[in-house]
N, C-alpha and C. Protein backbone atom coordinates (compact mmCIF):
# COMPACT_ATOMS: atom_id res chain seq x y z
N MET A 1 51.44 114.35 115.82
CA MET A 1 52.17 113.54 114.51
C MET A 1 53.26 114.98 114.52
N THR A 2 54.89 114.02 113.67
CA THR A 2 55.35 114.31 113.70
C THR A 2 55.79 116.20 112.63
N GLU A 3 57.06 117.05 113.72
CA GLU A 3 57.18 117.88 112.77
C GLU A 3 58.22 118.21 111.56
N VAL A 4 58.07 118.48 110.40
CA VAL A 4 59.03 118.34 108.97
C VAL A 4 59.50 120.18 109.20
N ALA A 5 61.47 120.40 108.92
CA ALA A 5 61.35 121.01 108.65
C ALA A 5 62.40 121.03 107.66
N PHE A 6 62.77 121.81 106.50
CA PHE A 6 63.90 121.96 105.83
C PHE A 6 64.28 123.06 105.70
N HIS A 7 65.84 122.57 106.01
CA HIS A 7 66.85 124.02 106.08
C HIS A 7 67.29 123.92 104.64
N PHE A 8 66.97 124.95 104.02
CA PHE A 8 67.16 125.78 102.48
C PHE A 8 68.37 125.77 102.30
N ASN A 9 69.47 125.96 100.90
CA ASN A 9 70.39 126.59 100.56
C ASN A 9 71.51 126.52 102.10
N ALA A 10 71.86 125.28 102.33
CA ALA A 10 72.83 125.13 102.91
C ALA A 10 73.76 125.12 102.22
N PRO A 11 75.43 126.19 102.70
CA PRO A 11 76.36 125.49 102.07
C PRO A 11 77.19 124.41 102.18
N ASN A 12 77.42 123.50 103.12
CA ASN A 12 77.78 122.48 103.03
C ASN A 12 77.39 121.83 103.98
N LYS A 13 76.80 120.61 103.83
CA LYS A 13 75.80 119.46 104.72
C LYS A 13 76.81 119.05 105.82
N GLN A 14 77.80 118.44 105.99
CA GLN A 14 78.24 118.01 106.69
C GLN A 14 78.97 119.87 108.08
N SER A 15 79.06 120.64 107.55
CA SER A 15 79.54 121.56 108.38
C SER A 15 78.41 122.33 108.76
N TYR A 16 77.61 121.99 107.78
CA TYR A 16 76.16 123.24 108.61
C TYR A 16 75.74 121.47 109.69
N ALA A 17 75.86 120.71 109.56
CA ALA A 17 75.23 119.62 110.59
C ALA A 17 75.70 119.73 111.60
N CYS A 18 77.17 119.67 111.62
CA CYS A 18 78.11 119.89 112.85
C CYS A 18 77.89 121.36 113.61
N ARG A 19 77.05 121.99 112.80
CA ARG A 19 76.97 123.75 113.26
C ARG A 19 75.01 123.45 114.09
N LEU A 20 74.47 122.22 113.37
CA LEU A 20 73.49 122.09 113.88
C LEU A 20 73.16 121.11 115.04
N LEU A 21 74.05 120.31 114.51
CA LEU A 21 74.21 119.63 115.84
C LEU A 21 74.85 119.97 117.62
N ARG A 22 75.55 120.82 117.13
CA ARG A 22 76.45 121.57 118.56
C ARG A 22 74.99 122.16 119.02
N LYS A 23 74.95 122.96 118.08
CA LYS A 23 73.21 123.38 118.51
C LYS A 23 72.03 122.74 119.70
N GLY A 24 71.76 121.80 119.06
CA GLY A 24 71.22 120.93 119.16
C GLY A 24 71.57 120.36 120.20
N TYR A 25 73.22 119.58 120.58
CA TYR A 25 73.73 119.20 122.09
C TYR A 25 73.07 120.61 122.93
N LEU A 26 74.06 121.46 122.94
CA LEU A 26 73.78 122.50 123.79
C LEU A 26 72.35 123.00 124.39
N LYS A 27 71.34 122.31 123.95
CA LYS A 27 70.11 122.79 124.60
C LYS A 27 69.75 121.05 124.72
N GLY A 28 70.71 119.91 125.13
CA GLY A 28 69.93 119.13 125.43
C GLY A 28 69.07 118.50 124.70
N ALA A 29 69.08 118.16 123.42
CA ALA A 29 68.59 117.54 122.43
C ALA A 29 68.57 116.73 122.43
N ARG A 30 68.12 114.70 122.49
CA ARG A 30 68.62 113.96 121.69
C ARG A 30 68.16 113.80 120.22
N LEU A 31 69.99 113.82 119.41
CA LEU A 31 69.84 113.72 118.08
C LEU A 31 70.04 112.18 117.35
N VAL A 32 69.10 112.18 116.55
CA VAL A 32 70.10 110.58 116.01
C VAL A 32 70.04 111.98 114.20
N VAL A 33 71.03 111.06 113.73
CA VAL A 33 71.70 111.39 112.67
C VAL A 33 72.27 110.56 111.53
N ARG A 34 70.96 110.75 110.63
CA ARG A 34 70.96 109.35 108.94
C ARG A 34 71.61 110.08 108.26
N VAL A 35 72.62 109.39 107.83
CA VAL A 35 73.98 110.20 106.83
C VAL A 35 74.18 108.71 105.84
N ASP A 36 74.59 108.85 104.67
CA ASP A 36 75.25 108.19 103.75
C ASP A 36 76.24 107.66 104.45
N ALA A 37 76.60 105.73 103.57
CA ALA A 37 77.66 105.34 104.56
C ALA A 37 79.11 105.31 104.07
N GLN A 38 78.75 106.05 103.33
CA GLN A 38 80.17 107.13 102.76
C GLN A 38 80.38 107.79 103.55
N ALA A 39 79.68 109.30 104.22
CA ALA A 39 79.46 110.29 104.96
C ALA A 39 79.50 109.55 106.07
N LEU A 40 79.90 109.02 107.01
CA LEU A 40 79.31 109.00 108.11
C LEU A 40 80.44 108.56 108.91
N SER A 41 81.73 108.48 108.00
CA SER A 41 83.19 108.16 108.79
C SER A 41 83.52 109.90 108.74
N SER A 42 83.70 110.79 107.60
CA SER A 42 83.43 111.42 107.57
C SER A 42 83.05 112.59 108.56
N LEU A 43 81.61 112.54 108.92
CA LEU A 43 81.27 113.29 109.28
C LEU A 43 81.81 112.80 110.75
N ASP A 44 81.24 111.75 111.26
CA ASP A 44 82.28 111.50 113.26
C ASP A 44 83.39 111.97 113.01
N THR A 45 84.54 111.87 112.54
CA THR A 45 85.75 112.56 113.07
C THR A 45 85.25 114.29 112.64
N ALA A 46 84.44 114.73 111.75
CA ALA A 46 84.09 116.30 111.60
C ALA A 46 83.53 116.78 113.41
N LEU A 47 83.08 115.60 113.74
CA LEU A 47 82.50 115.92 114.35
C LEU A 47 83.26 116.65 116.15
N TRP A 48 84.12 115.69 116.37
CA TRP A 48 85.80 115.49 117.19
C TRP A 48 86.54 116.87 116.77
N THR A 49 86.35 117.32 115.40
CA THR A 49 87.42 118.45 115.27
C THR A 49 87.00 119.72 114.82
N PHE A 50 85.41 119.38 114.52
CA PHE A 50 84.78 120.89 114.77
C PHE A 50 85.06 121.97 114.97
N ALA A 51 85.04 122.36 115.90
CA ALA A 51 86.24 123.71 116.45
C ALA A 51 87.01 123.68 117.72
N GLN A 52 88.47 124.04 117.77
CA GLN A 52 89.17 123.36 117.95
C GLN A 52 88.91 123.77 120.10
N GLY A 53 89.57 122.85 120.59
CA GLY A 53 88.98 122.47 121.83
C GLY A 53 87.07 122.23 121.86
N GLU A 54 87.03 121.76 121.37
CA GLU A 54 85.66 120.74 121.55
C GLU A 54 84.91 120.35 121.28
N PHE A 55 84.15 119.42 121.52
CA PHE A 55 83.94 117.78 121.13
C PHE A 55 82.48 118.29 120.91
N ILE A 56 82.00 117.80 120.21
CA ILE A 56 80.41 116.92 120.02
C ILE A 56 80.44 115.47 120.06
N PRO A 57 80.21 115.23 121.37
CA PRO A 57 79.61 114.06 121.97
C PRO A 57 78.96 112.78 120.71
N HIS A 58 78.96 111.98 120.40
CA HIS A 58 78.12 111.39 120.13
C HIS A 58 78.89 109.81 119.59
N GLY A 59 78.17 108.92 119.06
CA GLY A 59 78.15 107.65 118.71
C GLY A 59 77.44 107.61 117.42
N CYS A 60 78.75 106.35 117.21
CA CYS A 60 78.06 106.28 115.16
C CYS A 60 77.77 104.46 115.42
N GLU A 61 77.31 104.30 114.48
CA GLU A 61 76.72 102.76 114.75
C GLU A 61 77.86 101.72 114.19
N GLY A 62 77.50 100.30 115.09
CA GLY A 62 78.27 99.57 115.52
C GLY A 62 78.92 100.03 116.34
N ASP A 63 79.04 100.94 117.05
CA ASP A 63 79.49 101.85 118.64
C ASP A 63 79.29 100.33 119.67
N ALA A 64 79.82 100.17 120.76
CA ALA A 64 79.15 99.24 121.59
C ALA A 64 77.72 100.05 122.39
N PRO A 65 76.71 99.17 123.58
CA PRO A 65 75.35 99.22 123.44
C PRO A 65 75.51 100.66 124.40
N THR A 66 76.37 100.06 125.66
CA THR A 66 76.34 101.55 126.25
C THR A 66 76.91 102.47 125.72
N VAL A 67 77.97 102.85 124.86
CA VAL A 67 78.21 104.63 124.04
C VAL A 67 76.82 104.69 123.95
N LEU A 68 75.94 103.76 123.07
CA LEU A 68 75.08 104.43 121.76
C LEU A 68 74.11 104.93 123.12
N ARG A 69 74.37 104.25 124.03
CA ARG A 69 72.85 104.22 124.75
C ARG A 69 73.00 105.86 125.73
N ARG A 70 74.38 106.73 125.87
CA ARG A 70 74.48 107.51 126.74
C ARG A 70 74.98 108.59 125.86
N SER A 71 75.10 108.54 124.58
CA SER A 71 74.88 109.25 123.70
C SER A 71 74.13 110.61 122.84
N PRO A 72 74.27 111.68 123.68
CA PRO A 72 73.49 112.81 123.01
C PRO A 72 72.94 112.62 121.43
N ILE A 73 74.00 111.97 120.58
CA ILE A 73 73.81 112.36 119.12
C ILE A 73 74.42 110.65 118.46
N LEU A 74 73.24 110.16 118.02
CA LEU A 74 73.64 109.29 117.18
C LEU A 74 74.08 108.98 115.31
N LEU A 75 74.64 108.18 114.90
CA LEU A 75 75.23 108.74 114.20
C LEU A 75 74.69 107.10 113.05
N TYR A 76 73.55 107.48 112.41
CA TYR A 76 73.49 105.80 111.66
C TYR A 76 72.99 106.15 109.58
N SER A 77 73.81 104.95 109.29
CA SER A 77 73.90 105.32 108.23
C SER A 77 72.50 104.34 107.12
N GLU A 78 71.70 103.56 107.95
CA GLU A 78 70.38 103.10 108.21
C GLU A 78 69.47 103.58 109.58
N LEU A 79 68.44 103.66 109.57
CA LEU A 79 67.90 103.28 111.41
C LEU A 79 67.56 101.85 111.90
N PRO A 80 68.02 102.36 113.22
CA PRO A 80 67.69 100.68 113.09
C PRO A 80 66.19 100.44 113.89
N GLU A 81 64.96 99.33 113.47
CA GLU A 81 63.89 99.02 113.84
C GLU A 81 64.03 99.19 115.08
N ASN A 82 64.83 99.50 116.19
CA ASN A 82 64.52 98.84 117.14
C ASN A 82 65.51 100.24 118.68
N LEU A 83 65.37 101.32 117.65
CA LEU A 83 66.03 102.47 117.92
C LEU A 83 64.71 103.09 118.84
N ASP A 84 64.69 103.29 120.01
CA ASP A 84 63.77 104.35 120.92
C ASP A 84 64.00 105.15 120.34
N ALA A 85 63.55 105.78 119.74
CA ALA A 85 62.80 107.53 119.25
C ALA A 85 61.71 107.60 119.62
N THR A 86 62.09 108.62 120.87
CA THR A 86 61.04 109.09 121.68
C THR A 86 60.37 109.81 121.12
N ALA A 87 59.49 111.12 121.64
CA ALA A 87 58.46 112.30 120.97
C ALA A 87 59.95 113.01 121.01
N SER A 88 60.72 113.24 121.79
CA SER A 88 61.81 114.27 121.92
C SER A 88 62.84 113.92 121.13
N ALA A 89 63.30 113.04 120.94
CA ALA A 89 63.89 112.93 120.17
C ALA A 89 63.99 113.66 118.55
N VAL A 90 65.09 114.11 118.11
CA VAL A 90 64.79 114.96 116.89
C VAL A 90 65.49 114.01 115.19
N LEU A 91 65.49 113.57 114.75
CA LEU A 91 65.67 113.61 113.41
C LEU A 91 66.69 114.62 112.46
N VAL A 92 67.90 114.05 112.35
CA VAL A 92 68.44 114.87 111.56
C VAL A 92 68.83 114.22 109.79
N ASN A 93 68.36 114.62 108.61
CA ASN A 93 68.09 113.31 107.71
C ASN A 93 69.17 114.22 106.88
N LEU A 94 70.13 113.61 106.49
CA LEU A 94 71.53 113.66 105.31
C LEU A 94 71.20 113.34 104.12
N CYS A 95 70.31 112.70 104.29
CA CYS A 95 70.56 111.68 102.69
C CYS A 95 68.78 111.69 101.66
N ALA A 96 69.48 111.12 100.83
CA ALA A 96 68.84 111.77 99.60
C ALA A 96 67.23 111.04 99.81
N SER A 97 66.70 109.47 100.04
CA SER A 97 65.69 109.56 100.42
C SER A 97 64.78 109.89 102.11
N LEU A 98 63.61 109.89 101.87
CA LEU A 98 62.89 110.15 102.57
C LEU A 98 63.34 108.89 104.18
N PRO A 99 63.36 108.93 105.10
CA PRO A 99 64.08 108.31 105.70
C PRO A 99 62.94 107.30 106.70
N PRO A 100 62.83 106.27 106.49
CA PRO A 100 62.17 105.14 107.10
C PRO A 100 62.25 105.43 108.29
N GLY A 101 60.44 104.94 109.05
CA GLY A 101 60.38 105.11 110.47
C GLY A 101 60.15 106.60 110.68
N TYR A 102 60.45 107.50 110.15
CA TYR A 102 60.66 109.32 110.61
C TYR A 102 59.37 109.53 111.17
N GLU A 103 58.54 108.64 111.51
CA GLU A 103 56.84 109.10 111.94
C GLU A 103 57.41 108.94 113.58
N ARG A 104 58.07 108.15 114.26
CA ARG A 104 58.31 107.30 115.64
C ARG A 104 59.46 108.64 115.81
N PHE A 105 59.48 109.87 115.27
CA PHE A 105 60.20 111.09 115.96
C PHE A 105 58.95 112.18 116.30
N GLY A 106 59.51 113.21 117.26
CA GLY A 106 58.84 114.44 117.07
C GLY A 106 58.83 115.36 116.15
N ARG A 107 60.19 115.48 115.91
CA ARG A 107 60.64 116.43 114.86
C ARG A 107 61.84 115.76 113.92
N VAL A 108 61.96 116.78 112.34
CA VAL A 108 62.66 115.95 111.58
C VAL A 108 63.11 117.31 110.66
N ILE A 109 64.60 117.09 110.80
CA ILE A 109 64.96 118.95 109.98
C ILE A 109 65.92 118.16 108.71
N GLU A 110 65.60 118.24 107.63
CA GLU A 110 66.33 117.83 106.01
C GLU A 110 67.03 119.22 105.61
N VAL A 111 68.75 118.96 105.32
CA VAL A 111 69.30 119.54 105.84
C VAL A 111 69.52 119.10 104.05
N VAL A 112 69.15 120.28 103.23
CA VAL A 112 69.19 120.48 101.61
C VAL A 112 70.56 121.56 101.17
N THR A 113 71.13 121.11 100.31
CA THR A 113 72.80 121.58 99.76
C THR A 113 72.06 123.02 98.28
N GLN A 114 72.59 123.90 97.82
CA GLN A 114 72.45 124.42 96.46
C GLN A 114 72.72 123.50 95.28
N ASP A 115 72.64 122.37 96.28
CA ASP A 115 73.21 121.56 94.65
C ASP A 115 71.56 121.28 93.82
N GLU A 116 71.60 120.90 92.63
CA GLU A 116 70.55 121.50 92.22
C GLU A 116 70.26 119.59 92.29
N ASP A 117 70.41 118.67 92.10
CA ASP A 117 70.65 117.16 92.27
C ASP A 117 70.24 117.23 93.85
N ASP A 118 70.69 117.61 95.36
CA ASP A 118 70.27 117.31 96.07
C ASP A 118 68.84 117.96 96.03
N ARG A 119 68.75 119.69 95.47
CA ARG A 119 67.50 120.17 96.12
C ARG A 119 65.95 119.44 95.21
N LEU A 120 66.99 118.74 94.11
CA LEU A 120 65.52 117.62 93.27
C LEU A 120 64.96 116.74 94.25
N HIS A 121 66.13 116.28 94.77
CA HIS A 121 65.81 114.78 95.70
C HIS A 121 64.81 115.36 97.15
N ALA A 122 65.24 116.44 97.66
CA ALA A 122 64.80 117.57 98.57
C ALA A 122 63.16 117.70 98.79
N ARG A 123 63.15 118.12 96.95
CA ARG A 123 61.11 118.37 96.48
C ARG A 123 60.10 117.22 96.59
N ALA A 124 61.45 115.60 96.51
CA ALA A 124 60.44 114.70 96.34
C ALA A 124 60.30 114.61 97.40
N ARG A 125 61.07 114.44 98.82
CA ARG A 125 60.67 113.99 100.30
C ARG A 125 59.87 115.59 100.38
N TRP A 126 59.51 116.45 100.25
CA TRP A 126 58.78 117.28 100.77
C TRP A 126 57.30 116.82 100.18
N ARG A 127 56.82 116.42 99.29
CA ARG A 127 55.76 116.18 98.42
C ARG A 127 55.62 114.41 98.59
N ALA A 128 56.37 113.66 99.12
CA ALA A 128 56.01 112.76 100.51
C ALA A 128 55.30 113.06 101.57
N TYR A 129 56.30 113.90 102.28
CA TYR A 129 55.44 114.10 103.56
C TYR A 129 54.05 114.80 103.70
N LYS A 130 53.75 115.77 102.56
CA LYS A 130 52.44 116.59 102.04
C LYS A 130 51.46 114.89 102.33
N GLN A 131 52.48 114.26 101.35
CA GLN A 131 50.76 112.88 100.84
C GLN A 131 50.65 112.61 102.37
N HIS A 132 51.80 112.61 103.57
CA HIS A 132 51.56 111.94 104.10
C HIS A 132 50.70 112.35 105.94
N GLY A 133 50.30 113.36 104.93
CA GLY A 133 49.45 114.47 106.07
C GLY A 133 50.40 116.11 106.52
N ILE A 134 51.54 115.05 106.66
CA ILE A 134 52.36 116.55 107.86
C ILE A 134 52.69 118.27 106.14
N GLU A 135 52.66 118.75 107.16
CA GLU A 135 52.91 120.01 106.01
C GLU A 135 54.02 120.60 106.85
N PRO A 136 55.64 120.09 105.53
CA PRO A 136 56.67 120.84 106.48
C PRO A 136 56.74 123.03 106.81
N VAL A 137 57.86 122.81 107.03
CA VAL A 137 58.36 123.83 107.35
C VAL A 137 59.60 124.19 106.61
N ARG A 138 59.81 125.37 105.68
CA ARG A 138 60.72 125.64 104.91
C ARG A 138 61.23 126.85 105.71
N HIS A 139 62.99 126.74 105.84
CA HIS A 139 62.75 127.54 106.28
C HIS A 139 64.94 127.80 105.55
N ASP A 140 64.78 129.29 104.53
CA ASP A 140 65.90 129.43 104.26
C ASP A 140 67.18 129.97 104.99
N LEU A 141 68.20 129.17 104.82
CA LEU A 141 68.84 129.85 105.21
C LEU A 141 70.24 130.52 104.49
N HIS A 142 69.61 130.94 103.24
CA HIS A 142 70.87 132.38 101.91
C HIS A 142 69.94 133.36 102.70
N LEU A 143 68.56 133.60 103.11
CA LEU A 143 68.04 134.40 103.36
C LEU A 143 68.31 135.10 104.92
N ALA A 144 68.13 133.64 105.39
CA ALA A 144 68.31 134.00 107.25
C ALA A 144 69.52 134.72 107.36
N SER A 145 70.86 134.07 106.62
CA SER A 145 72.34 135.23 107.08
C SER A 145 72.29 136.36 106.57
N GLN A 146 71.39 136.90 105.29
CA GLN A 146 71.57 138.12 105.17
C GLN A 146 70.76 138.78 106.35
N GLU A 147 69.71 138.28 106.64
CA GLU A 147 69.55 139.51 108.07
C GLU A 147 70.47 139.92 109.13
């Protein structure tokens, strides 16, 4: 069964996603990111320029198939139905809605900011996961930063 973790209180969704993706990449994880279409280009650029002298390798929807096959991180506004989401793949959801086909992934990470609208959508996703028999795990980033 898919494991789901909510990372609450991210100060900025894009910068937190970049740190999360860098950490996952360095650990050898295969990551798929679902991001709003209007934010995809911005996240793509941020991954190129996140840290000076550092590049987080990734591919975006629309890239050549060879690039997508070799990229450890894939960015999509909509997840393709034929996406190979093995049990070892992690889905990072940066969108307001429940990701369709999330059950194909071994793990889902939901990133939630302090914005009240974002939190409201997160609560709806939390309830949807519970209705599907999944008990999400909560990670409060605000509390973690105080430790």
